[in-house]
Amino acid sequence: MNNNGAFSLLIFALPLLLLGWLFFTQNKRMKQMREFSSSLNVGDHVVTSSGVYGTIKHLDDTTAWLEIAEGTTVRFDRRAIAMKQADGVSAAPTTPGNPTAHGNDSVPDDAPGPQQNGQ
C-alpha cells in the first residue's frame, strides 16, 4: 500500500515540477528580452526577427525606426528586433561591379549580378 502512495505522489509531483520549471524559464526569457530592448540605442546595427538588417534611427517606448537602405526608413515594433549585429559586420549591400566593396570576401568573382537572370 505504501508503494502505491509514493507512486501516486510521484505522478502528481512531476507535472507540477514541469510546470514550475516552464514558468521559471519563461520569466527568465522575458526578463532577458526586456533588458535587451532597453539596451537598444540610436545608431545600433540590428537584425529583426524576420531577418531584416538595419540601423536604428529613432526609438520610442514601443517602436523603432530602422534605416534598411540609404534613405529608406521602416518602422518596427521594438519586440521584433532580435539581435544586434556583430561589430565589424556591415549590412550594406555590395555593388555589382565590386563584390568586396564592403568587406564581403565570400562572394565569388563569377557570382551572377543583377543583370544576369540565368539566360
PDB file of N, CA and C in Angstrom:
ATOM      1  N   MET A   1       0.818  -1.195   0.000  1.00  0.00           N
ATOM      2  CA  MET A   1       0.000   0.000   0.000  1.00  0.00           C
ATOM      3  C   MET A   1       0.861   1.258   0.000  1.00  0.00           C
ATOM      4  N   ASN A   2       1.943   1.204   0.735  1.00  0.00           N
ATOM      5  CA  ASN A   2       2.839   2.348   0.823  1.00  0.00           C
ATOM      6  C   ASN A   2       3.470   2.642  -0.535  1.00  0.00           C
ATOM      7  N   ASN A   3       3.751   1.603  -1.307  1.00  0.00           N
ATOM      8  CA  ASN A   3       4.360   1.772  -2.608  1.00  0.00           C
ATOM      9  C   ASN A   3       3.413   2.504  -3.570  1.00  0.00           C
ATOM     10  N   ASN A   4       2.123   2.218  -3.512  1.00  0.00           N
ATOM     11  CA  ASN A   4       1.141   2.897  -4.356  1.00  0.00           C
ATOM     12  C   ASN A   4       1.022   4.372  -3.994  1.00  0.00           C
ATOM     13  N   GLY A   5       1.132   4.701  -2.718  1.00  0.00           N
ATOM     14  CA  GLY A   5       1.054   6.101  -2.284  1.00  0.00           C
ATOM     15  C   GLY A   5       2.227   6.905  -2.805  1.00  0.00           C
ATOM     16  N   ALA A   6       3.418   6.329  -2.774  1.00  0.00           N
ATOM     17  CA  ALA A   6       4.597   7.025  -3.279  1.00  0.00           C
ATOM     18  C   ALA A   6       4.493   7.200  -4.800  1.00  0.00           C
ATOM     19  N   PHE A   7       3.975   6.195  -5.489  1.00  0.00           N
ATOM     20  CA  PHE A   7       3.812   6.277  -6.930  1.00  0.00           C
ATOM     21  C   PHE A   7       2.795   7.361  -7.293  1.00  0.00           C
ATOM     22  N   SER A   8       1.696   7.426  -6.558  1.00  0.00           N
ATOM     23  CA  SER A   8       0.678   8.455  -6.804  1.00  0.00           C
ATOM     24  C   SER A   8       1.245   9.846  -6.555  1.00  0.00           C
ATOM     25  N   LEU A   9       2.049   9.993  -5.512  1.00  0.00           N
ATOM     26  CA  LEU A   9       2.668  11.274  -5.213  1.00  0.00           C
ATOM     27  C   LEU A   9       3.626  11.671  -6.338  1.00  0.00           C
ATOM     28  N   LEU A  10       4.366  10.710  -6.858  1.00  0.00           N
ATOM     29  CA  LEU A  10       5.292  10.964  -7.954  1.00  0.00           C
ATOM     30  C   LEU A  10       4.534  11.389  -9.209  1.00  0.00           C
ATOM     31  N   ILE A  11       3.452  10.726  -9.517  1.00  0.00           N
ATOM     32  CA  ILE A  11       2.630  11.058 -10.688  1.00  0.00           C
ATOM     33  C   ILE A  11       2.065  12.473 -10.548  1.00  0.00           C
ATOM     34  N   PHE A  12       1.719  12.879  -9.348  1.00  0.00           N
ATOM     35  CA  PHE A  12       1.172  14.208  -9.100  1.00  0.00           C
ATOM     36  C   PHE A  12       2.282  15.272  -9.098  1.00  0.00           C
ATOM     37  N   ALA A  13       3.450  14.965  -8.564  1.00  0.00           N
ATOM     38  CA  ALA A  13       4.512  15.952  -8.384  1.00  0.00           C
ATOM     39  C   ALA A  13       5.255  16.259  -9.681  1.00  0.00           C
ATOM     40  N   LEU A  14       5.459  15.278 -10.541  1.00  0.00           N
ATOM     41  CA  LEU A  14       6.224  15.508 -11.761  1.00  0.00           C
ATOM     42  C   LEU A  14       5.602  16.580 -12.671  1.00  0.00           C
ATOM     43  N   PRO A  15       4.302  16.532 -12.951  1.00  0.00           N
ATOM     44  CA  PRO A  15       3.724  17.610 -13.776  1.00  0.00           C
ATOM     45  C   PRO A  15       3.822  18.980 -13.097  1.00  0.00           C
ATOM     46  N   LEU A  16       3.678  19.014 -11.773  1.00  0.00           N
ATOM     47  CA  LEU A  16       3.814  20.298 -11.078  1.00  0.00           C
ATOM     48  C   LEU A  16       5.231  20.843 -11.182  1.00  0.00           C
ATOM     49  N   LEU A  17       6.216  19.968 -11.053  1.00  0.00           N
ATOM     50  CA  LEU A  17       7.602  20.398 -11.215  1.00  0.00           C
ATOM     51  C   LEU A  17       7.868  20.886 -12.642  1.00  0.00           C
ATOM     52  N   LEU A  18       7.316  20.195 -13.611  1.00  0.00           N
ATOM     53  CA  LEU A  18       7.474  20.599 -15.006  1.00  0.00           C
ATOM     54  C   LEU A  18       6.849  21.976 -15.247  1.00  0.00           C
ATOM     55  N   LEU A  19       5.658  22.192 -14.743  1.00  0.00           N
ATOM     56  CA  LEU A  19       5.005  23.495 -14.896  1.00  0.00           C
ATOM     57  C   LEU A  19       5.814  24.593 -14.210  1.00  0.00           C
ATOM     58  N   GLY A  20       6.311  24.321 -13.018  1.00  0.00           N
ATOM     59  CA  GLY A  20       7.138  25.303 -12.315  1.00  0.00           C
ATOM     60  C   GLY A  20       8.386  25.652 -13.104  1.00  0.00           C
ATOM     61  N   TRP A  21       9.021  24.648 -13.684  1.00  0.00           N
ATOM     62  CA  TRP A  21      10.213  24.878 -14.485  1.00  0.00           C
ATOM     63  C   TRP A  21       9.882  25.697 -15.732  1.00  0.00           C
ATOM     64  N   LEU A  22       8.751  25.400 -16.383  1.00  0.00           N
ATOM     65  CA  LEU A  22       8.344  26.149 -17.567  1.00  0.00           C
ATOM     66  C   LEU A  22       8.079  27.620 -17.239  1.00  0.00           C
ATOM     67  N   PHE A  23       7.385  27.891 -16.131  1.00  0.00           N
ATOM     68  CA  PHE A  23       7.127  29.276 -15.727  1.00  0.00           C
ATOM     69  C   PHE A  23       8.433  29.992 -15.409  1.00  0.00           C
ATOM     70  N   PHE A  24       9.350  29.325 -14.738  1.00  0.00           N
ATOM     71  CA  PHE A  24      10.628  29.929 -14.380  1.00  0.00           C
ATOM     72  C   PHE A  24      11.422  30.288 -15.630  1.00  0.00           C
ATOM     73  N   THR A  25      11.524  29.392 -16.590  1.00  0.00           N
ATOM     74  CA  THR A  25      12.305  29.676 -17.797  1.00  0.00           C
ATOM     75  C   THR A  25      11.637  30.754 -18.654  1.00  0.00           C
ATOM     76  N   GLN A  26      10.304  30.758 -18.693  1.00  0.00           N
ATOM     77  CA  GLN A  26       9.597  31.789 -19.459  1.00  0.00           C
ATOM     78  C   GLN A  26       9.835  33.164 -18.846  1.00  0.00           C
ATOM     79  N   ASN A  27       9.762  33.268 -17.524  1.00  0.00           N
ATOM     80  CA  ASN A  27      10.015  34.549 -16.862  1.00  0.00           C
ATOM     81  C   ASN A  27      11.451  35.010 -17.091  1.00  0.00           C
ATOM     82  N   LYS A  28      12.386  34.092 -17.061  1.00  0.00           N
ATOM     83  CA  LYS A  28      13.788  34.423 -17.307  1.00  0.00           C
ATOM     84  C   LYS A  28      13.971  34.937 -18.731  1.00  0.00           C
ATOM     85  N   ARG A  29      13.341  34.283 -19.697  1.00  0.00           N
ATOM     86  CA  ARG A  29      13.423  34.696 -21.094  1.00  0.00           C
ATOM     87  C   ARG A  29      12.800  36.078 -21.305  1.00  0.00           C
ATOM     88  N   MET A  30      11.671  36.330 -20.659  1.00  0.00           N
ATOM     89  CA  MET A  30      11.005  37.635 -20.775  1.00  0.00           C
ATOM     90  C   MET A  30      11.876  38.735 -20.178  1.00  0.00           C
ATOM     91  N   LYS A  31      12.525  38.458 -19.063  1.00  0.00           N
ATOM     92  CA  LYS A  31      13.403  39.429 -18.428  1.00  0.00           C
ATOM     93  C   LYS A  31      14.582  39.750 -19.351  1.00  0.00           C
ATOM     94  N   GLN A  32      15.165  38.733 -19.981  1.00  0.00           N
ATOM     95  CA  GLN A  32      16.271  38.960 -20.911  1.00  0.00           C
ATOM     96  C   GLN A  32      15.815  39.806 -22.097  1.00  0.00           C
ATOM     97  N   MET A  33      14.624  39.559 -22.617  1.00  0.00           N
ATOM     98  CA  MET A  33      14.120  40.338 -23.743  1.00  0.00           C
ATOM     99  C   MET A  33      13.875  41.795 -23.344  1.00  0.00           C
ATOM    100  N   ARG A  34      13.335  42.037 -22.136  1.00  0.00           N
ATOM    101  CA  ARG A  34      13.131  43.408 -21.667  1.00  0.00           C
ATOM    102  C   ARG A  34      14.465  44.133 -21.515  1.00  0.00           C
ATOM    103  N   GLU A  35      15.469  43.439 -20.968  1.00  0.00           N
ATOM    104  CA  GLU A  35      16.788  44.045 -20.807  1.00  0.00           C
ATOM    105  C   GLU A  35      17.415  44.353 -22.170  1.00  0.00           C
ATOM    106  N   PHE A  36      17.276  43.444 -23.120  1.00  0.00           N
ATOM    107  CA  PHE A  36      17.814  43.674 -24.460  1.00  0.00           C
ATOM    108  C   PHE A  36      17.126  44.867 -25.107  1.00  0.00           C
ATOM    109  N   SER A  37      15.807  44.926 -25.012  1.00  0.00           N
ATOM    110  CA  SER A  37      15.055  46.012 -25.628  1.00  0.00           C
ATOM    111  C   SER A  37      15.430  47.357 -25.017  1.00  0.00           C
ATOM    112  N   SER A  38      15.656  47.387 -23.722  1.00  0.00           N
ATOM    113  CA  SER A  38      16.022  48.653 -23.087  1.00  0.00           C
ATOM    114  C   SER A  38      17.472  49.035 -23.364  1.00  0.00           C
ATOM    115  N   SER A  39      18.304  48.093 -23.810  1.00  0.00           N
ATOM    116  CA  SER A  39      19.699  48.407 -24.101  1.00  0.00           C
ATOM    117  C   SER A  39      19.910  48.922 -25.524  1.00  0.00           C
ATOM    118  N   LEU A  40      18.859  48.942 -26.341  1.00  0.00           N
ATOM    119  CA  LEU A  40      18.990  49.424 -27.714  1.00  0.00           C
ATOM    120  C   LEU A  40      19.205  50.929 -27.726  1.00  0.00           C
ATOM    121  N   ASN A  41      20.070  51.378 -28.629  1.00  0.00           N
ATOM    122  CA  ASN A  41      20.373  52.797 -28.771  1.00  0.00           C
ATOM    123  C   ASN A  41      20.319  53.195 -30.228  1.00  0.00           C
ATOM    124  N   VAL A  42      20.101  54.488 -30.470  1.00  0.00           N
ATOM    125  CA  VAL A  42      20.136  55.017 -31.829  1.00  0.00           C
ATOM    126  C   VAL A  42      21.538  54.799 -32.386  1.00  0.00           C
ATOM    127  N   GLY A  43      21.606  54.307 -33.617  1.00  0.00           N
ATOM    128  CA  GLY A  43      22.880  54.033 -34.268  1.00  0.00           C
ATOM    129  C   GLY A  43      23.302  52.580 -34.208  1.00  0.00           C
ATOM    130  N   ASP A  44      22.626  51.761 -33.392  1.00  0.00           N
ATOM    131  CA  ASP A  44      22.956  50.339 -33.312  1.00  0.00           C
ATOM    132  C   ASP A  44      22.579  49.643 -34.620  1.00  0.00           C
ATOM    133  N   HIS A  45      23.421  48.732 -35.063  1.00  0.00           N
ATOM    134  CA  HIS A  45      23.127  47.886 -36.221  1.00  0.00           C
ATOM    135  C   HIS A  45      22.449  46.637 -35.690  1.00  0.00           C
ATOM    136  N   VAL A  46      21.224  46.358 -36.170  1.00  0.00           N
ATOM    137  CA  VAL A  46      20.417  45.270 -35.625  1.00  0.00           C
ATOM    138  C   VAL A  46      19.862  44.397 -36.735  1.00  0.00           C
ATOM    139  N   VAL A  47      19.331  43.243 -36.317  1.00  0.00           N
ATOM    140  CA  VAL A  47      18.636  42.321 -37.205  1.00  0.00           C
ATOM    141  C   VAL A  47      17.271  42.054 -36.580  1.00  0.00           C
ATOM    142  N   THR A  48      16.215  42.125 -37.386  1.00  0.00           N
ATOM    143  CA  THR A  48      14.882  41.852 -36.869  1.00  0.00           C
ATOM    144  C   THR A  48      14.622  40.347 -36.869  1.00  0.00           C
ATOM    145  N   SER A  49      13.552  39.945 -36.232  1.00  0.00           N
ATOM    146  CA  SER A  49      13.203  38.527 -36.183  1.00  0.00           C
ATOM    147  C   SER A  49      12.844  37.979 -37.559  1.00  0.00           C
ATOM    148  N   SER A  50      12.505  38.848 -38.500  1.00  0.00           N
ATOM    149  CA  SER A  50      12.207  38.395 -39.860  1.00  0.00           C
ATOM    150  C   SER A  50      13.432  38.435 -40.766  1.00  0.00           C
ATOM    151  N   GLY A  51      14.588  38.844 -40.215  1.00  0.00           N
ATOM    152  CA  GLY A  51      15.819  38.809 -40.980  1.00  0.00           C
ATOM    153  C   GLY A  51      16.185  40.101 -41.678  1.00  0.00           C
ATOM    154  N   VAL A  52      15.523  41.205 -41.348  1.00  0.00           N
ATOM    155  CA  VAL A  52      15.826  42.487 -41.966  1.00  0.00           C
ATOM    156  C   VAL A  52      16.971  43.144 -41.195  1.00  0.00           C
ATOM    157  N   TYR A  53      18.029  43.530 -41.920  1.00  0.00           N
ATOM    158  CA  TYR A  53      19.167  44.220 -41.322  1.00  0.00           C
ATOM    159  C   TYR A  53      18.922  45.720 -41.414  1.00  0.00           C
ATOM    160  N   GLY A  54      19.298  46.450 -40.371  1.00  0.00           N
ATOM    161  CA  GLY A  54      19.132  47.890 -40.413  1.00  0.00           C
ATOM    162  C   GLY A  54      19.864  48.584 -39.293  1.00  0.00           C
ATOM    163  N   THR A  55      19.828  49.901 -39.342  1.00  0.00           N
ATOM    164  CA  THR A  55      20.434  50.758 -38.333  1.00  0.00           C
ATOM    165  C   THR A  55      19.328  51.545 -37.652  1.00  0.00           C
ATOM    166  N   ILE A  56      19.326  51.567 -36.338  1.00  0.00           N
ATOM    167  CA  ILE A  56      18.283  52.278 -35.594  1.00  0.00           C
ATOM    168  C   ILE A  56      18.477  53.776 -35.777  1.00  0.00           C
ATOM    169  N   LYS A  57      17.423  54.450 -36.242  1.00  0.00           N
ATOM    170  CA  LYS A  57      17.460  55.900 -36.436  1.00  0.00           C
ATOM    171  C   LYS A  57      16.647  56.643 -35.389  1.00  0.00           C
ATOM    172  N   HIS A  58      15.634  55.993 -34.822  1.00  0.00           N
ATOM    173  CA  HIS A  58      14.798  56.632 -33.804  1.00  0.00           C
ATOM    174  C   HIS A  58      14.165  55.542 -32.955  1.00  0.00           C
ATOM    175  N   LEU A  59      14.020  55.799 -31.669  1.00  0.00           N
ATOM    176  CA  LEU A  59      13.387  54.861 -30.737  1.00  0.00           C
ATOM    177  C   LEU A  59      12.357  55.585 -29.897  1.00  0.00           C
ATOM    178  N   ASP A  60      11.262  54.915 -29.597  1.00  0.00           N
ATOM    179  CA  ASP A  60      10.369  55.365 -28.539  1.00  0.00           C
ATOM    180  C   ASP A  60       9.981  54.144 -27.710  1.00  0.00           C
ATOM    181  N   ASP A  61       8.961  54.246 -26.890  1.00  0.00           N
ATOM    182  CA  ASP A  61       8.643  53.160 -25.952  1.00  0.00           C
ATOM    183  C   ASP A  61       8.288  51.848 -26.635  1.00  0.00           C
ATOM    184  N   THR A  62       7.599  51.904 -27.761  1.00  0.00           N
ATOM    185  CA  THR A  62       7.115  50.672 -28.381  1.00  0.00           C
ATOM    186  C   THR A  62       7.633  50.422 -29.785  1.00  0.00           C
ATOM    187  N   THR A  63       8.191  51.433 -30.444  1.00  0.00           N
ATOM    188  CA  THR A  63       8.607  51.260 -31.832  1.00  0.00           C
ATOM    189  C   THR A  63      10.054  51.695 -32.044  1.00  0.00           C
ATOM    190  N   ALA A  64      10.610  51.193 -33.137  1.00  0.00           N
ATOM    191  CA  ALA A  64      11.958  51.567 -33.563  1.00  0.00           C
ATOM    192  C   ALA A  64      11.904  51.833 -35.059  1.00  0.00           C
ATOM    193  N   TRP A  65      12.545  52.900 -35.491  1.00  0.00           N
ATOM    194  CA  TRP A  65      12.644  53.218 -36.902  1.00  0.00           C
ATOM    195  C   TRP A  65      14.018  52.767 -37.362  1.00  0.00           C
ATOM    196  N   LEU A  66      14.034  51.843 -38.339  1.00  0.00           N
ATOM    197  CA  LEU A  66      15.285  51.295 -38.856  1.00  0.00           C
ATOM    198  C   LEU A  66      15.518  51.793 -40.270  1.00  0.00           C
ATOM    199  N   GLU A  67      16.751  52.217 -40.526  1.00  0.00           N
ATOM    200  CA  GLU A  67      17.143  52.556 -41.890  1.00  0.00           C
ATOM    201  C   GLU A  67      17.684  51.272 -42.508  1.00  0.00           C
ATOM    202  N   ILE A  68      16.944  50.736 -43.486  1.00  0.00           N
ATOM    203  CA  ILE A  68      17.323  49.460 -44.088  1.00  0.00           C
ATOM    204  C   ILE A  68      18.090  49.646 -45.385  1.00  0.00           C
ATOM    205  N   ALA A  69      18.032  50.826 -45.951  1.00  0.00           N
ATOM    206  CA  ALA A  69      18.807  51.207 -47.127  1.00  0.00           C
ATOM    207  C   ALA A  69      18.937  52.723 -47.069  1.00  0.00           C
ATOM    208  N   GLU A  70      19.852  53.251 -47.820  1.00  0.00           N
ATOM    209  CA  GLU A  70      20.070  54.692 -47.781  1.00  0.00           C
ATOM    210  C   GLU A  70      18.789  55.418 -48.158  1.00  0.00           C
ATOM    211  N   GLY A  71      18.262  56.204 -47.232  1.00  0.00           N
ATOM    212  CA  GLY A  71      17.039  56.964 -47.467  1.00  0.00           C
ATOM    213  C   GLY A  71      15.755  56.187 -47.245  1.00  0.00           C
ATOM    214  N   THR A  72      15.837  54.920 -46.832  1.00  0.00           N
ATOM    215  CA  THR A  72      14.643  54.100 -46.602  1.00  0.00           C
ATOM    216  C   THR A  72      14.553  53.742 -45.129  1.00  0.00           C
ATOM    217  N   THR A  73      13.559  54.324 -44.453  1.00  0.00           N
ATOM    218  CA  THR A  73      13.366  54.078 -43.031  1.00  0.00           C
ATOM    219  C   THR A  73      12.037  53.359 -42.840  1.00  0.00           C
ATOM    220  N   VAL A  74      12.065  52.288 -42.044  1.00  0.00           N
ATOM    221  CA  VAL A  74      10.878  51.469 -41.810  1.00  0.00           C
ATOM    222  C   VAL A  74      10.637  51.411 -40.308  1.00  0.00           C
ATOM    223  N   ARG A  75       9.360  51.448 -39.923  1.00  0.00           N
ATOM    224  CA  ARG A  75       9.006  51.381 -38.506  1.00  0.00           C
ATOM    225  C   ARG A  75       8.731  49.929 -38.112  1.00  0.00           C
ATOM    226  N   PHE A  76       9.352  49.494 -36.996  1.00  0.00           N
ATOM    227  CA  PHE A  76       9.172  48.148 -36.459  1.00  0.00           C
ATOM    228  C   PHE A  76       8.750  48.244 -35.004  1.00  0.00           C
ATOM    229  N   ASP A  77       8.034  47.255 -34.557  1.00  0.00           N
ATOM    230  CA  ASP A  77       7.787  47.095 -33.125  1.00  0.00           C
ATOM    231  C   ASP A  77       9.118  46.730 -32.476  1.00  0.00           C
ATOM    232  N   ARG A  78       9.411  47.288 -31.312  1.00  0.00           N
ATOM    233  CA  ARG A  78      10.698  47.010 -30.655  1.00  0.00           C
ATOM    234  C   ARG A  78      10.881  45.524 -30.369  1.00  0.00           C
ATOM    235  N   ARG A  79       9.779  44.811 -30.145  1.00  0.00           N
ATOM    236  CA  ARG A  79       9.876  43.379 -29.864  1.00  0.00           C
ATOM    237  C   ARG A  79      10.329  42.584 -31.076  1.00  0.00           C
ATOM    238  N   ALA A  80      10.255  43.168 -32.281  1.00  0.00           N
ATOM    239  CA  ALA A  80      10.665  42.469 -33.496  1.00  0.00           C
ATOM    240  C   ALA A  80      12.176  42.507 -33.695  1.00  0.00           C
ATOM    241  N   ILE A  81      12.887  43.327 -32.931  1.00  0.00           N
ATOM    242  CA  ILE A  81      14.341  43.368 -33.059  1.00  0.00           C
ATOM    243  C   ILE A  81      14.911  42.187 -32.298  1.00  0.00           C
ATOM    244  N   ALA A  82      15.561  41.286 -33.028  1.00  0.00           N
ATOM    245  CA  ALA A  82      16.008  40.024 -32.453  1.00  0.00           C
ATOM    246  C   ALA A  82      17.401  40.112 -31.849  1.00  0.00           C
ATOM    247  N   MET A  83      18.319  40.832 -32.521  1.00  0.00           N
ATOM    248  CA  MET A  83      19.682  40.874 -32.010  1.00  0.00           C
ATOM    249  C   MET A  83      20.436  42.037 -32.626  1.00  0.00           C
ATOM    250  N   LYS A  84      21.539  42.383 -31.965  1.00  0.00           N
ATOM    251  CA  LYS A  84      22.444  43.383 -32.512  1.00  0.00           C
ATOM    252  C   LYS A  84      23.421  42.660 -33.428  1.00  0.00           C
ATOM    253  N   GLN A  85      23.861  43.369 -34.464  1.00  0.00           N
ATOM    254  CA  GLN A  85      24.855  42.792 -35.360  1.00  0.00           C
ATOM    255  C   GLN A  85      26.198  42.767 -34.661  1.00  0.00           C
ATOM    256  N   ALA A  86      27.013  41.801 -35.036  1.00  0.00           N
ATOM    257  CA  ALA A  86      28.366  41.719 -34.508  1.00  0.00           C
ATOM    258  C   ALA A  86      29.168  42.914 -35.005  1.00  0.00           C
ATOM    259  N   ASP A  87      30.118  43.376 -34.204  1.00  0.00           N
ATOM    260  CA  ASP A  87      30.956  44.503 -34.601  1.00  0.00           C
ATOM    261  C   ASP A  87      31.740  44.155 -35.854  1.00  0.00           C
ATOM    262  N   GLY A  88      31.851  45.108 -36.756  1.00  0.00           N
ATOM    263  CA  GLY A  88      32.632  44.899 -37.961  1.00  0.00           C
ATOM    264  C   GLY A  88      31.844  44.297 -39.106  1.00  0.00           C
ATOM    265  N   VAL A  89      30.580  43.966 -38.900  1.00  0.00           N
ATOM    266  CA  VAL A  89      29.757  43.391 -39.967  1.00  0.00           C
ATOM    267  C   VAL A  89      28.913  44.504 -40.542  1.00  0.00           C
ATOM    268  N   SER A  90      28.953  44.658 -41.840  1.00  0.00           N
ATOM    269  CA  SER A  90      28.204  45.703 -42.497  1.00  0.00           C
ATOM    270  C   SER A  90      26.937  45.132 -43.111  1.00  0.00           C
ATOM    271  N   ALA A  91      25.831  45.841 -42.966  1.00  0.00           N
ATOM    272  CA  ALA A  91      24.574  45.407 -43.561  1.00  0.00           C
ATOM    273  C   ALA A  91      24.397  45.985 -44.954  1.00  0.00           C
ATOM    274  N   ALA A  92      25.334  46.851 -45.394  1.00  0.00           N
ATOM    275  CA  ALA A  92      25.212  47.482 -46.705  1.00  0.00           C
ATOM    276  C   ALA A  92      25.431  46.451 -47.795  1.00  0.00           C
ATOM    277  N   PRO A  93      24.614  46.479 -48.833  1.00  0.00           N
ATOM    278  CA  PRO A  93      24.783  45.512 -49.917  1.00  0.00           C
ATOM    279  C   PRO A  93      26.037  45.833 -50.720  1.00  0.00           C
ATOM    280  N   THR A  94      26.561  44.814 -51.366  1.00  0.00           N
ATOM    281  CA  THR A  94      27.737  45.013 -52.206  1.00  0.00           C
ATOM    282  C   THR A  94      27.297  45.571 -53.539  1.00  0.00           C
ATOM    283  N   THR A  95      28.189  46.258 -54.199  1.00  0.00           N
ATOM    284  CA  THR A  95      27.890  46.774 -55.524  1.00  0.00           C
ATOM    285  C   THR A  95      28.136  45.672 -56.534  1.00  0.00           C
ATOM    286  N   PRO A  96      27.398  45.641 -57.655  1.00  0.00           N
ATOM    287  CA  PRO A  96      27.556  44.561 -58.622  1.00  0.00           C
ATOM    288  C   PRO A  96      28.957  44.481 -59.213  1.00  0.00           C
ATOM    289  N   GLY A  97      29.614  45.598 -59.427  1.00  0.00           N
ATOM    290  CA  GLY A  97      30.929  45.583 -60.034  1.00  0.00           C
ATOM    291  C   GLY A  97      32.047  45.275 -59.048  1.00  0.00           C
ATOM    292  N   ASN A  98      31.783  45.442 -57.748  1.00  0.00           N
ATOM    293  CA  ASN A  98      32.824  45.249 -56.749  1.00  0.00           C
ATOM    294  C   ASN A  98      32.246  44.503 -55.556  1.00  0.00           C
ATOM    295  N   PRO A  99      32.213  43.167 -55.591  1.00  0.00           N
ATOM    296  CA  PRO A  99      31.573  42.418 -54.512  1.00  0.00           C
ATOM    297  C   PRO A  99      32.278  42.539 -53.171  1.00  0.00           C
ATOM    298  N   THR A 100      33.527  42.983 -53.142  1.00  0.00           N
ATOM    299  CA  THR A 100      34.231  43.109 -51.872  1.00  0.00           C
ATOM    300  C   THR A 100      34.290  44.543 -51.388  1.00  0.00           C
ATOM    301  N   ALA A 101      33.426  45.409 -51.908  1.00  0.00           N
ATOM    302  CA  ALA A 101      33.462  46.821 -51.546  1.00  0.00           C
ATOM    303  C   ALA A 101      33.171  47.039 -50.068  1.00  0.00           C
ATOM    304  N   HIS A 102      32.407  46.169 -49.475  1.00  0.00           N
ATOM    305  CA  HIS A 102      32.043  46.325 -48.065  1.00  0.00           C
ATOM    306  C   HIS A 102      32.582  45.188 -47.221  1.00  0.00           C
ATOM    307  N   GLY A 103      33.631  44.576 -47.643  1.00  0.00           N
ATOM    308  CA  GLY A 103      34.247  43.530 -46.834  1.00  0.00           C
ATOM    309  C   GLY A 103      33.611  42.171 -46.996  1.00  0.00           C
ATOM    310  N   ASN A 104      32.853  41.939 -48.057  1.00  0.00           N
ATOM    311  CA  ASN A 104      32.199  40.659 -48.262  1.00  0.00           C
ATOM    312  C   ASN A 104      33.095  39.789 -49.129  1.00  0.00           C
ATOM    313  N   ASP A 105      34.043  39.100 -48.525  1.00  0.00           N
ATOM    314  CA  ASP A 105      35.004  38.296 -49.258  1.00  0.00           C
ATOM    315  C   ASP A 105      34.439  36.950 -49.696  1.00  0.00           C
ATOM    316  N   SER A 106      33.250  36.593 -49.250  1.00  0.00           N
ATOM    317  CA  SER A 106      32.712  35.276 -49.559  1.00  0.00           C
ATOM    318  C   SER A 106      31.974  35.237 -50.890  1.00  0.00           C
ATOM    319  N   VAL A 107      31.840  36.370 -51.583  1.00  0.00           N
ATOM    320  CA  VAL A 107      31.148  36.395 -52.861  1.00  0.00           C
ATOM    321  C   VAL A 107      32.141  36.016 -53.948  1.00  0.00           C
ATOM    322  N   PRO A 108      31.882  34.959 -54.718  1.00  0.00           N
ATOM    323  CA  PRO A 108      32.817  34.563 -55.777  1.00  0.00           C
ATOM    324  C   PRO A 108      32.818  35.580 -56.913  1.00  0.00           C
ATOM    325  N   ASP A 109      33.914  35.601 -57.664  1.00  0.00           N
ATOM    326  CA  ASP A 109      34.047  36.549 -58.765  1.00  0.00           C
ATOM    327  C   ASP A 109      33.036  36.297 -59.875  1.00  0.00           C
ATOM    328  N   ASP A 110      32.599  35.055 -60.030  1.00  0.00           N
ATOM    329  CA  ASP A 110      31.670  34.734 -61.102  1.00  0.00           C
ATOM    330  C   ASP A 110      30.216  34.684 -60.617  1.00  0.00           C
ATOM    331  N   ALA A 111      29.932  35.283 -59.471  1.00  0.00           N
ATOM    332  CA  ALA A 111      28.553  35.308 -58.955  1.00  0.00           C
ATOM    333  C   ALA A 111      27.695  36.135 -59.871  1.00  0.00           C
ATOM    334  N   PRO A 112      26.456  35.694 -60.141  1.00  0.00           N
ATOM    335  CA  PRO A 112      25.596  36.455 -61.056  1.00  0.00           C
ATOM    336  C   PRO A 112      25.235  37.804 -60.457  1.00  0.00           C
ATOM    337  N   GLY A 113      25.276  38.818 -61.287  1.00  0.00           N
ATOM    338  CA  GLY A 113      24.896  40.161 -60.883  1.00  0.00           C
ATOM    339  C   GLY A 113      23.412  40.380 -61.127  1.00  0.00           C
ATOM    340  N   PRO A 114      22.932  41.590 -60.886  1.00  0.00           N
ATOM    341  CA  PRO A 114      21.505  41.851 -61.080  1.00  0.00           C
ATOM    342  C   PRO A 114      21.078  41.796 -62.542  1.00  0.00           C
ATOM    343  N   GLN A 115      22.005  42.016 -63.497  1.00  0.00           N
ATOM    344  CA  GLN A 115      21.629  41.977 -64.907  1.00  0.00           C
ATOM    345  C   GLN A 115      21.558  40.549 -65.433  1.00  0.00           C
ATOM    346  N   GLN A 116      22.203  39.594 -64.786  1.00  0.00           N
ATOM    347  CA  GLN A 116      22.204  38.205 -65.235  1.00  0.00           C
ATOM    348  C   GLN A 116      20.999  37.502 -64.635  1.00  0.00           C
ATOM    349  N   ASN A 117      20.141  36.975 -65.453  1.00  0.00           N
ATOM    350  CA  ASN A 117      18.939  36.321 -64.954  1.00  0.00           C
ATOM    351  C   ASN A 117      18.912  34.838 -65.323  1.00  0.00           C
ATOM    352  N   GLY A 118      20.062  34.216 -65.471  1.00  0.00           N
ATOM    353  CA  GLY A 118      20.119  32.786 -65.714  1.00  0.00           C
ATOM    354  C   GLY A 118      20.035  32.402 -67.167  1.00  0.00           C
ATOM    355  N   GLN A 119      20.073  33.346 -68.109  1.00  0.00           N
ATOM    356  CA  GLN A 119      19.988  33.022 -69.525  1.00  0.00           C
ATOM    357  C   GLN A 119      21.348  32.981 -70.157  1.00  0.00           C
TER     358      GLN A 119
END
